[in-house]
């Protein structure tokens, strides 16, 4: 259990070694982009297997794997949005739809950025109460209820072309929920987008595109924190292994999510989240997990 806490930064993943981190990278990649909470699984899987908690630093750094997967999967959307926005800026065409959408994404990232800085010490502290299994269990249950309500009452008619600045800000504010372990960034933003009446697959696209800056900033910030605490070379190499496995599994997770939403609904994730939260709370109450 060495190097679990370095200058106040939770680096428990280093003690796990390459093989365990590679496995957790797969789990992290799959759950990071599905609306089922990667943080919950990063606490549950090690707890069930009797492993050390990899720590919040690992989960945050793994966001870079999610970033790579989202950009790769939605490369057409991302490249077109970037190219059109730059072209509009060059021509001072401030009414261009792509440019306005890009600005909306940036503005919608401000809420989680401010909240993240405010809660940084509590979230990243070693042994943070916010990462307790009880908090995660209740977060899973509550978000399952919210997602179910959105699925029941949503109109599923709007597309990205209908999205406004107000829509972007609402989803951006909902993204703050991702700071609470167990809520899920994908889950909170997808729920908000569905509640705004977007089609399921369009809601997922909106969720991923809007989350790009937040995902990038969270990952880069954590790498900087790990650099500041002088993470060992062995620690960096272990982290890279996790990033590689997480990138592949995250890409597959997006593909799976889009297929489910296109052909079915969000109900499989509602049921999974609800059961996961209930089982987790029962396990903690019965002292099976601590």
C-alpha atoms as a PDB file:
ATOM      1  CA  UNK A   1       0.000   0.000   0.000  1.00  0.00           C
ATOM      2  CA  UNK A   2       2.876   2.338  -0.698  1.00  0.00           C
ATOM      3  CA  UNK A   3       2.578   5.823  -2.114  1.00  0.00           C
ATOM      4  CA  UNK A   4      -1.181   5.962  -1.490  1.00  0.00           C
ATOM      5  CA  UNK A   5      -1.136   9.637  -0.549  1.00  0.00           C
ATOM      6  CA  UNK A   6       1.477  12.024  -1.907  1.00  0.00           C
ATOM      7  CA  UNK A   7       1.411  15.568  -0.520  1.00  0.00           C
ATOM      8  CA  UNK A   8      -2.341  15.377  -0.063  1.00  0.00           C
ATOM      9  CA  UNK A   9      -3.015  13.887  -3.533  1.00  0.00           C
ATOM     10  CA  UNK A  10      -4.517  10.393  -3.579  1.00  0.00           C
ATOM     11  CA  UNK A  11      -2.194   8.248  -5.714  1.00  0.00           C
ATOM     12  CA  UNK A  12      -3.413   4.842  -4.631  1.00  0.00           C
ATOM     13  CA  UNK A  13      -3.261   3.536  -8.207  1.00  0.00           C
ATOM     14  CA  UNK A  14       0.545   3.326  -8.032  1.00  0.00           C
ATOM     15  CA  UNK A  15       0.421   0.600  -5.385  1.00  0.00           C
ATOM     16  CA  UNK A  16      -1.910  -1.486  -7.565  1.00  0.00           C
ATOM     17  CA  UNK A  17       0.674  -2.122 -10.280  1.00  0.00           C
ATOM     18  CA  UNK A  18       0.350  -2.575 -14.045  1.00  0.00           C
ATOM     19  CA  UNK A  19      -2.023  -5.534 -14.348  1.00  0.00           C
ATOM     20  CA  UNK A  20      -4.622  -4.237 -11.890  1.00  0.00           C
ATOM     21  CA  UNK A  21      -4.503  -0.716 -13.333  1.00  0.00           C
ATOM     22  CA  UNK A  22      -4.896  -2.128 -16.841  1.00  0.00           C
ATOM     23  CA  UNK A  23      -8.071  -3.903 -15.717  1.00  0.00           C
ATOM     24  CA  UNK A  24      -9.345  -0.804 -13.932  1.00  0.00           C
ATOM     25  CA  UNK A  25      -8.557   1.179 -17.077  1.00  0.00           C
ATOM     26  CA  UNK A  26     -10.948  -1.041 -19.032  1.00  0.00           C
ATOM     27  CA  UNK A  27     -13.644  -0.565 -16.381  1.00  0.00           C
ATOM     28  CA  UNK A  28     -12.996   3.179 -16.226  1.00  0.00           C
ATOM     29  CA  UNK A  29     -13.161   3.551 -20.009  1.00  0.00           C
ATOM     30  CA  UNK A  30     -16.450   1.686 -20.304  1.00  0.00           C
ATOM     31  CA  UNK A  31     -18.161   3.413 -17.398  1.00  0.00           C
ATOM     32  CA  UNK A  32     -16.764   6.919 -17.993  1.00  0.00           C
ATOM     33  CA  UNK A  33     -18.881   7.489 -21.082  1.00  0.00           C
ATOM     34  CA  UNK A  34     -21.925   5.424 -20.167  1.00  0.00           C
ATOM     35  CA  UNK A  35     -24.490   7.065 -17.840  1.00  0.00           C
ATOM     36  CA  UNK A  36     -23.630   4.682 -14.981  1.00  0.00           C
ATOM     37  CA  UNK A  37     -20.810   6.538 -13.162  1.00  0.00           C
ATOM     38  CA  UNK A  38     -17.169   5.607 -13.573  1.00  0.00           C
ATOM     39  CA  UNK A  39     -16.339   6.861 -10.062  1.00  0.00           C
ATOM     40  CA  UNK A  40     -18.851   4.423  -8.591  1.00  0.00           C
ATOM     41  CA  UNK A  41     -17.225   1.514 -10.396  1.00  0.00           C
ATOM     42  CA  UNK A  42     -13.718   2.720  -9.504  1.00  0.00           C
ATOM     43  CA  UNK A  43     -14.734   2.418  -5.858  1.00  0.00           C
ATOM     44  CA  UNK A  44     -16.869  -0.718  -6.125  1.00  0.00           C
ATOM     45  CA  UNK A  45     -14.596  -2.951  -8.227  1.00  0.00           C
ATOM     46  CA  UNK A  46     -11.481  -2.518  -6.036  1.00  0.00           C
ATOM     47  CA  UNK A  47     -13.610  -2.868  -2.882  1.00  0.00           C
ATOM     48  CA  UNK A  48     -15.136  -6.151  -4.100  1.00  0.00           C
ATOM     49  CA  UNK A  49     -11.743  -7.497  -5.194  1.00  0.00           C
ATOM     50  CA  UNK A  50     -10.080  -6.382  -1.969  1.00  0.00           C
ATOM     51  CA  UNK A  51      -7.818  -3.899  -3.755  1.00  0.00           C
ATOM     52  CA  UNK A  52      -6.786  -0.447  -2.657  1.00  0.00           C
ATOM     53  CA  UNK A  53      -8.885   2.482  -3.880  1.00  0.00           C
ATOM     54  CA  UNK A  54      -7.024   3.825  -6.967  1.00  0.00           C
ATOM     55  CA  UNK A  55      -7.908   7.343  -5.840  1.00  0.00           C
ATOM     56  CA  UNK A  56      -9.561  10.375  -7.377  1.00  0.00           C
ATOM     57  CA  UNK A  57      -6.351  11.339  -9.194  1.00  0.00           C
ATOM     58  CA  UNK A  58      -6.568   8.162 -11.275  1.00  0.00           C
ATOM     59  CA  UNK A  59     -10.231   8.747 -12.174  1.00  0.00           C
ATOM     60  CA  UNK A  60      -9.582  12.360 -13.152  1.00  0.00           C
ATOM     61  CA  UNK A  61      -6.502  11.573 -15.237  1.00  0.00           C
ATOM     62  CA  UNK A  62      -8.426   8.841 -17.045  1.00  0.00           C
ATOM     63  CA  UNK A  63     -10.649  11.594 -18.448  1.00  0.00           C
ATOM     64  CA  UNK A  64      -7.966  12.074 -21.108  1.00  0.00           C
ATOM     65  CA  UNK A  65      -8.756   8.565 -22.355  1.00  0.00           C
ATOM     66  CA  UNK A  66     -12.417   9.545 -22.586  1.00  0.00           C
ATOM     67  CA  UNK A  67     -11.392  12.722 -24.430  1.00  0.00           C
ATOM     68  CA  UNK A  68      -9.476  10.710 -27.017  1.00  0.00           C
ATOM     69  CA  UNK A  69     -12.407   8.326 -27.483  1.00  0.00           C
ATOM     70  CA  UNK A  70     -15.006  11.095 -27.880  1.00  0.00           C
ATOM     71  CA  UNK A  71     -12.892  13.042 -30.386  1.00  0.00           C
ATOM     72  CA  UNK A  72     -12.196   9.859 -32.372  1.00  0.00           C
ATOM     73  CA  UNK A  73     -15.814   8.696 -32.460  1.00  0.00           C
ATOM     74  CA  UNK A  74     -17.282  12.134 -33.207  1.00  0.00           C
ATOM     75  CA  UNK A  75     -14.379  13.272 -35.387  1.00  0.00           C
ATOM     76  CA  UNK A  76     -16.750  14.395 -38.143  1.00  0.00           C
ATOM     77  CA  UNK A  77     -18.687  16.637 -35.751  1.00  0.00           C
ATOM     78  CA  UNK A  78     -15.604  17.928 -33.933  1.00  0.00           C
ATOM     79  CA  UNK A  79     -13.555  18.692 -37.059  1.00  0.00           C
ATOM     80  CA  UNK A  80     -16.467  20.362 -38.841  1.00  0.00           C
ATOM     81  CA  UNK A  81     -17.315  22.434 -35.779  1.00  0.00           C
ATOM     82  CA  UNK A  82     -13.699  23.556 -35.363  1.00  0.00           C
ATOM     83  CA  UNK A  83     -13.127  24.287 -39.061  1.00  0.00           C
ATOM     84  CA  UNK A  84     -16.372  26.216 -39.486  1.00  0.00           C
ATOM     85  CA  UNK A  85     -15.778  28.192 -36.291  1.00  0.00           C
ATOM     86  CA  UNK A  86     -12.262  29.203 -37.353  1.00  0.00           C
ATOM     87  CA  UNK A  87     -13.522  30.153 -40.809  1.00  0.00           C
ATOM     88  CA  UNK A  88     -16.296  32.258 -39.285  1.00  0.00           C
ATOM     89  CA  UNK A  89     -13.817  34.008 -36.996  1.00  0.00           C
ATOM     90  CA  UNK A  90     -11.534  34.763 -39.929  1.00  0.00           C
ATOM     91  CA  UNK A  91     -14.455  36.338 -41.818  1.00  0.00           C
ATOM     92  CA  UNK A  92     -15.864  37.987 -38.655  1.00  0.00           C
ATOM     93  CA  UNK A  93     -19.113  36.146 -39.233  1.00  0.00           C
ATOM     94  CA  UNK A  94     -20.354  36.128 -35.652  1.00  0.00           C
ATOM     95  CA  UNK A  95     -23.763  34.827 -36.672  1.00  0.00           C
ATOM     96  CA  UNK A  96     -22.331  31.542 -37.951  1.00  0.00           C
ATOM     97  CA  UNK A  97     -24.123  28.605 -36.310  1.00  0.00           C
ATOM     98  CA  UNK A  98     -20.944  26.582 -35.694  1.00  0.00           C
ATOM     99  CA  UNK A  99     -19.148  29.525 -34.098  1.00  0.00           C
ATOM    100  CA  UNK A 100     -22.101  30.291 -31.855  1.00  0.00           C
ATOM    101  CA  UNK A 101     -22.381  26.628 -30.853  1.00  0.00           C
ATOM    102  CA  UNK A 102     -18.668  26.538 -30.003  1.00  0.00           C
ATOM    103  CA  UNK A 103     -19.024  29.656 -27.846  1.00  0.00           C
ATOM    104  CA  UNK A 104     -22.040  28.116 -26.116  1.00  0.00           C
ATOM    105  CA  UNK A 105     -19.988  25.010 -25.271  1.00  0.00           C
ATOM    106  CA  UNK A 106     -17.282  27.191 -23.721  1.00  0.00           C
ATOM    107  CA  UNK A 107     -19.815  29.215 -21.720  1.00  0.00           C
ATOM    108  CA  UNK A 108     -21.558  26.024 -20.571  1.00  0.00           C
ATOM    109  CA  UNK A 109     -18.229  24.739 -19.212  1.00  0.00           C
ATOM    110  CA  UNK A 110     -17.826  27.683 -16.825  1.00  0.00           C
ATOM    111  CA  UNK A 111     -20.250  26.354 -14.149  1.00  0.00           C
ATOM    112  CA  UNK A 112     -18.426  23.046 -13.656  1.00  0.00           C
ATOM    113  CA  UNK A 113     -15.076  24.829 -13.848  1.00  0.00           C
ATOM    114  CA  UNK A 114     -16.003  27.181 -11.002  1.00  0.00           C
ATOM    115  CA  UNK A 115     -17.608  24.400  -8.953  1.00  0.00           C
ATOM    116  CA  UNK A 116     -14.624  22.118  -9.559  1.00  0.00           C
ATOM    117  CA  UNK A 117     -12.171  24.709  -8.242  1.00  0.00           C
ATOM    118  CA  UNK A 118     -14.381  25.341  -5.212  1.00  0.00           C
ATOM    119  CA  UNK A 119     -14.665  21.629  -4.355  1.00  0.00           C
ATOM    120  CA  UNK A 120     -11.172  20.571  -5.459  1.00  0.00           C
ATOM    121  CA  UNK A 121      -9.784  20.079  -1.950  1.00  0.00           C
ATOM    122  CA  UNK A 122     -12.747  18.018  -0.784  1.00  0.00           C
ATOM    123  CA  UNK A 123     -12.859  15.891  -3.929  1.00  0.00           C
ATOM    124  CA  UNK A 124      -9.142  15.155  -4.217  1.00  0.00           C
ATOM    125  CA  UNK A 125      -8.310  14.781  -0.535  1.00  0.00           C
ATOM    126  CA  UNK A 126      -7.068  11.390   0.593  1.00  0.00           C
ATOM    127  CA  UNK A 127      -9.945   9.460   2.161  1.00  0.00           C
ATOM    128  CA  UNK A 128     -12.513  12.049   1.031  1.00  0.00           C
ATOM    129  CA  UNK A 129     -15.971  11.431   2.510  1.00  0.00           C
ATOM    130  CA  UNK A 130     -17.447  12.295  -0.891  1.00  0.00           C
ATOM    131  CA  UNK A 131     -15.942   9.069  -2.229  1.00  0.00           C
ATOM    132  CA  UNK A 132     -17.638   6.950   0.434  1.00  0.00           C
ATOM    133  CA  UNK A 133     -19.656   3.990  -0.833  1.00  0.00           C
ATOM    134  CA  UNK A 134     -22.779   5.325   0.883  1.00  0.00           C
ATOM    135  CA  UNK A 135     -22.623   8.633  -1.007  1.00  0.00           C
ATOM    136  CA  UNK A 136     -22.024   6.781  -4.253  1.00  0.00           C
ATOM    137  CA  UNK A 137     -24.905   4.384  -3.613  1.00  0.00           C
ATOM    138  CA  UNK A 138     -27.413   7.162  -2.970  1.00  0.00           C
ATOM    139  CA  UNK A 139     -26.120   9.131  -5.987  1.00  0.00           C
ATOM    140  CA  UNK A 140     -26.706   6.092  -8.219  1.00  0.00           C
ATOM    141  CA  UNK A 141     -30.273   5.669  -6.969  1.00  0.00           C
ATOM    142  CA  UNK A 142     -31.184   9.360  -7.227  1.00  0.00           C
ATOM    143  CA  UNK A 143     -29.782   9.694 -10.747  1.00  0.00           C
ATOM    144  CA  UNK A 144     -31.613   6.524 -11.816  1.00  0.00           C
ATOM    145  CA  UNK A 145     -34.845   8.206 -10.721  1.00  0.00           C
ATOM    146  CA  UNK A 146     -34.028  11.436 -12.574  1.00  0.00           C
ATOM    147  CA  UNK A 147     -33.071   9.570 -15.750  1.00  0.00           C
ATOM    148  CA  UNK A 148     -36.294   7.531 -15.546  1.00  0.00           C
ATOM    149  CA  UNK A 149     -38.375  10.711 -15.204  1.00  0.00           C
ATOM    150  CA  UNK A 150     -36.599  12.260 -18.196  1.00  0.00           C
ATOM    151  CA  UNK A 151     -37.166   9.116 -20.259  1.00  0.00           C
ATOM    152  CA  UNK A 152     -40.883   9.019 -19.376  1.00  0.00           C
ATOM    153  CA  UNK A 153     -41.706  12.670 -20.008  1.00  0.00           C
ATOM    154  CA  UNK A 154     -39.225  13.594 -22.755  1.00  0.00           C
ATOM    155  CA  UNK A 155     -40.603  14.422 -26.201  1.00  0.00           C
ATOM    156  CA  UNK A 156     -37.592  13.002 -28.118  1.00  0.00           C
ATOM    157  CA  UNK A 157     -38.182  15.331 -31.084  1.00  0.00           C
ATOM    158  CA  UNK A 158     -35.489  18.034 -31.073  1.00  0.00           C
ATOM    159  CA  UNK A 159     -32.084  17.862 -32.785  1.00  0.00           C
ATOM    160  CA  UNK A 160     -28.814  19.740 -32.326  1.00  0.00           C
ATOM    161  CA  UNK A 161     -30.029  22.275 -34.869  1.00  0.00           C
ATOM    162  CA  UNK A 162     -32.753  23.297 -32.405  1.00  0.00           C
ATOM    163  CA  UNK A 163     -30.378  23.789 -29.465  1.00  0.00           C
ATOM    164  CA  UNK A 164     -30.080  27.299 -27.998  1.00  0.00           C
ATOM    165  CA  UNK A 165     -27.720  29.020 -25.560  1.00  0.00           C
ATOM    166  CA  UNK A 166     -30.226  28.436 -22.758  1.00  0.00           C
ATOM    167  CA  UNK A 167     -30.253  24.702 -23.566  1.00  0.00           C
ATOM    168  CA  UNK A 168     -26.456  24.608 -23.474  1.00  0.00           C
ATOM    169  CA  UNK A 169     -26.325  26.418 -20.137  1.00  0.00           C
ATOM    170  CA  UNK A 170     -28.924  24.087 -18.595  1.00  0.00           C
ATOM    171  CA  UNK A 171     -26.917  21.032 -19.622  1.00  0.00           C
ATOM    172  CA  UNK A 172     -23.728  22.797 -18.488  1.00  0.00           C
ATOM    173  CA  UNK A 173     -25.206  23.415 -15.036  1.00  0.00           C
ATOM    174  CA  UNK A 174     -26.365  19.782 -14.892  1.00  0.00           C
ATOM    175  CA  UNK A 175     -22.765  18.796 -15.597  1.00  0.00           C
ATOM    176  CA  UNK A 176     -21.815  20.076 -12.131  1.00  0.00           C
ATOM    177  CA  UNK A 177     -23.469  16.947 -10.761  1.00  0.00           C
ATOM    178  CA  UNK A 178     -20.572  14.949 -12.214  1.00  0.00           C
ATOM    179  CA  UNK A 179     -18.380  16.258  -9.395  1.00  0.00           C
ATOM    180  CA  UNK A 180     -20.349  14.114  -6.950  1.00  0.00           C
ATOM    181  CA  UNK A 181     -19.072  10.516  -7.149  1.00  0.00           C
ATOM    182  CA  UNK A 182     -21.816   8.231  -8.383  1.00  0.00           C
ATOM    183  CA  UNK A 183     -23.732  10.845 -10.382  1.00  0.00           C
ATOM    184  CA  UNK A 184     -21.831  10.475 -13.705  1.00  0.00           C
ATOM    185  CA  UNK A 185     -21.063  13.330 -16.088  1.00  0.00           C
ATOM    186  CA  UNK A 186     -22.625  11.407 -18.959  1.00  0.00           C
ATOM    187  CA  UNK A 187     -25.630  10.570 -16.792  1.00  0.00           C
ATOM    188  CA  UNK A 188     -26.297  14.127 -15.609  1.00  0.00           C
ATOM    189  CA  UNK A 189     -25.876  15.759 -19.022  1.00  0.00           C
ATOM    190  CA  UNK A 190     -27.784  13.039 -20.892  1.00  0.00           C
ATOM    191  CA  UNK A 191     -30.644  13.355 -18.404  1.00  0.00           C
ATOM    192  CA  UNK A 192     -30.750  17.135 -18.860  1.00  0.00           C
ATOM    193  CA  UNK A 193     -30.593  16.863 -22.659  1.00  0.00           C
ATOM    194  CA  UNK A 194     -33.430  14.316 -22.710  1.00  0.00           C
ATOM    195  CA  UNK A 195     -35.486  16.541 -20.411  1.00  0.00           C
ATOM    196  CA  UNK A 196     -35.038  19.352 -22.946  1.00  0.00           C
ATOM    197  CA  UNK A 197     -36.767  17.185 -25.549  1.00  0.00           C
ATOM    198  CA  UNK A 198     -33.817  16.067 -27.671  1.00  0.00           C
ATOM    199  CA  UNK A 199     -33.912  12.750 -29.492  1.00  0.00           C
ATOM    200  CA  UNK A 200     -31.977  10.097 -27.584  1.00  0.00           C
ATOM    201  CA  UNK A 201     -29.045   9.867 -29.998  1.00  0.00           C
ATOM    202  CA  UNK A 202     -28.967  13.667 -30.389  1.00  0.00           C
ATOM    203  CA  UNK A 203     -28.994  14.055 -26.598  1.00  0.00           C
ATOM    204  CA  UNK A 204     -25.947  11.769 -26.390  1.00  0.00           C
ATOM    205  CA  UNK A 205     -24.110  13.732 -29.112  1.00  0.00           C
ATOM    206  CA  UNK A 206     -24.903  16.992 -27.346  1.00  0.00           C
ATOM    207  CA  UNK A 207     -23.748  15.543 -24.030  1.00  0.00           C
ATOM    208  CA  UNK A 208     -20.407  14.400 -25.423  1.00  0.00           C
ATOM    209  CA  UNK A 209     -19.663  17.529 -27.479  1.00  0.00           C
ATOM    210  CA  UNK A 210     -20.548  19.856 -24.626  1.00  0.00           C
ATOM    211  CA  UNK A 211     -18.417  17.842 -22.223  1.00  0.00           C
ATOM    212  CA  UNK A 212     -15.203  18.008 -24.285  1.00  0.00           C
ATOM    213  CA  UNK A 213     -13.725  21.127 -22.589  1.00  0.00           C
ATOM    214  CA  UNK A 214     -14.616  19.892 -19.098  1.00  0.00           C
ATOM    215  CA  UNK A 215     -13.149  16.447 -19.782  1.00  0.00           C
ATOM    216  CA  UNK A 216      -9.965  17.978 -21.211  1.00  0.00           C
ATOM    217  CA  UNK A 217      -9.517  20.476 -18.369  1.00  0.00           C
ATOM    218  CA  UNK A 218     -10.114  17.839 -15.680  1.00  0.00           C
ATOM    219  CA  UNK A 219      -7.574  15.470 -17.210  1.00  0.00           C
ATOM    220  CA  UNK A 220      -4.910  18.111 -17.816  1.00  0.00           C
ATOM    221  CA  UNK A 221      -5.387  19.588 -14.333  1.00  0.00           C
ATOM    222  CA  UNK A 222      -4.870  16.179 -12.747  1.00  0.00           C
ATOM    223  CA  UNK A 223      -1.730  15.511 -14.764  1.00  0.00           C
ATOM    224  CA  UNK A 224      -0.397  18.861 -13.574  1.00  0.00           C
ATOM    225  CA  UNK A 225      -1.226  17.954  -9.969  1.00  0.00           C
ATOM    226  CA  UNK A 226       0.586  14.636 -10.333  1.00  0.00           C
ATOM    227  CA  UNK A 227       3.548  16.486 -11.840  1.00  0.00           C
ATOM    228  CA  UNK A 228       3.595  18.920  -8.925  1.00  0.00           C
ATOM    229  CA  UNK A 229       3.695  16.113  -6.349  1.00  0.00           C
ATOM    230  CA  UNK A 230       6.575  14.559  -8.310  1.00  0.00           C
ATOM    231  CA  UNK A 231       4.913  11.272  -9.151  1.00  0.00           C
ATOM    232  CA  UNK A 232       7.541   8.604  -9.656  1.00  0.00           C
ATOM    233  CA  UNK A 233       8.523   7.337 -13.109  1.00  0.00           C
ATOM    234  CA  UNK A 234       6.987   3.994 -12.188  1.00  0.00           C
ATOM    235  CA  UNK A 235       3.770   5.816 -11.292  1.00  0.00           C
ATOM    236  CA  UNK A 236       3.667   7.604 -14.649  1.00  0.00           C
ATOM    237  CA  UNK A 237       4.221   4.363 -16.576  1.00  0.00           C
ATOM    238  CA  UNK A 238       1.417   2.661 -14.625  1.00  0.00           C
ATOM    239  CA  UNK A 239      -0.865   5.604 -15.406  1.00  0.00           C
ATOM    240  CA  UNK A 240      -0.039   5.351 -19.140  1.00  0.00           C
ATOM    241  CA  UNK A 241      -1.062   1.671 -19.138  1.00  0.00           C
ATOM    242  CA  UNK A 242      -4.398   2.651 -17.616  1.00  0.00           C
ATOM    243  CA  UNK A 243      -4.864   5.424 -20.186  1.00  0.00           C
ATOM    244  CA  UNK A 244      -4.227   3.061 -23.108  1.00  0.00           C
ATOM    245  CA  UNK A 245      -6.697   0.406 -21.975  1.00  0.00           C
ATOM    246  CA  UNK A 246      -9.256   3.052 -21.007  1.00  0.00           C
ATOM    247  CA  UNK A 247      -9.051   4.733 -24.435  1.00  0.00           C
ATOM    248  CA  UNK A 248      -9.963   1.543 -26.303  1.00  0.00           C
ATOM    249  CA  UNK A 249     -12.767   0.555 -23.941  1.00  0.00           C
ATOM    250  CA  UNK A 250     -14.159   4.117 -23.910  1.00  0.00           C
ATOM    251  CA  UNK A 251     -14.459   4.122 -27.707  1.00  0.00           C
ATOM    252  CA  UNK A 252     -16.347   0.826 -27.584  1.00  0.00           C
ATOM    253  CA  UNK A 253     -18.557   2.234 -24.816  1.00  0.00           C
ATOM    254  CA  UNK A 254     -19.621   5.181 -26.992  1.00  0.00           C
ATOM    255  CA  UNK A 255     -20.418   2.826 -29.859  1.00  0.00           C
ATOM    256  CA  UNK A 256     -22.522   0.679 -27.553  1.00  0.00           C
ATOM    257  CA  UNK A 257     -24.319   3.637 -25.999  1.00  0.00           C
ATOM    258  CA  UNK A 258     -25.280   5.093 -29.383  1.00  0.00           C
ATOM    259  CA  UNK A 259     -26.622   1.709 -30.569  1.00  0.00           C
ATOM    260  CA  UNK A 260     -28.726   1.291 -27.414  1.00  0.00           C
ATOM    261  CA  UNK A 261     -30.158   4.805 -27.598  1.00  0.00           C
ATOM    262  CA  UNK A 262     -30.883   4.547 -31.336  1.00  0.00           C
ATOM    263  CA  UNK A 263     -32.651   1.190 -31.105  1.00  0.00           C
ATOM    264  CA  UNK A 264     -34.071   1.134 -27.602  1.00  0.00           C
ATOM    265  CA  UNK A 265     -34.020   3.773 -24.841  1.00  0.00           C
ATOM    266  CA  UNK A 266     -32.200   4.815 -21.677  1.00  0.00           C
ATOM    267  CA  UNK A 267     -34.143   2.304 -19.585  1.00  0.00           C
ATOM    268  CA  UNK A 268     -31.335  -0.315 -19.450  1.00  0.00           C
ATOM    269  CA  UNK A 269     -29.141   2.297 -17.760  1.00  0.00           C
ATOM    270  CA  UNK A 270     -31.945   3.363 -15.419  1.00  0.00           C
ATOM    271  CA  UNK A 271     -32.411  -0.222 -14.245  1.00  0.00           C
ATOM    272  CA  UNK A 272     -28.679  -0.876 -13.950  1.00  0.00           C
ATOM    273  CA  UNK A 273     -28.052   2.314 -11.948  1.00  0.00           C
ATOM    274  CA  UNK A 274     -30.979   1.690  -9.639  1.00  0.00           C
ATOM    275  CA  UNK A 275     -29.956  -1.896  -8.900  1.00  0.00           C
ATOM    276  CA  UNK A 276     -26.297  -0.934  -8.501  1.00  0.00           C
ATOM    277  CA  UNK A 277     -27.136   1.787  -5.991  1.00  0.00           C
ATOM    278  CA  UNK A 278     -29.548  -0.414  -4.033  1.00  0.00           C
ATOM    279  CA  UNK A 279     -27.096  -3.332  -3.867  1.00  0.00           C
ATOM    280  CA  UNK A 280     -24.290  -0.990  -2.842  1.00  0.00           C
ATOM    281  CA  UNK A 281     -26.332   0.548  -0.016  1.00  0.00           C
ATOM    282  CA  UNK A 282     -27.379  -2.909   1.169  1.00  0.00           C
ATOM    283  CA  UNK A 283     -23.773  -4.130   1.059  1.00  0.00           C
ATOM    284  CA  UNK A 284     -22.597  -1.200   3.148  1.00  0.00           C
ATOM    285  CA  UNK A 285     -25.489  -1.520   5.636  1.00  0.00           C
ATOM    286  CA  UNK A 286     -24.763  -5.229   6.079  1.00  0.00           C
ATOM    287  CA  UNK A 287     -20.993  -4.592   6.451  1.00  0.00           C
ATOM    288  CA  UNK A 288     -20.225  -6.683   3.375  1.00  0.00           C
ATOM    289  CA  UNK A 289     -18.414  -3.666   1.913  1.00  0.00           C
ATOM    290  CA  UNK A 290     -16.741  -0.949   3.952  1.00  0.00           C
END
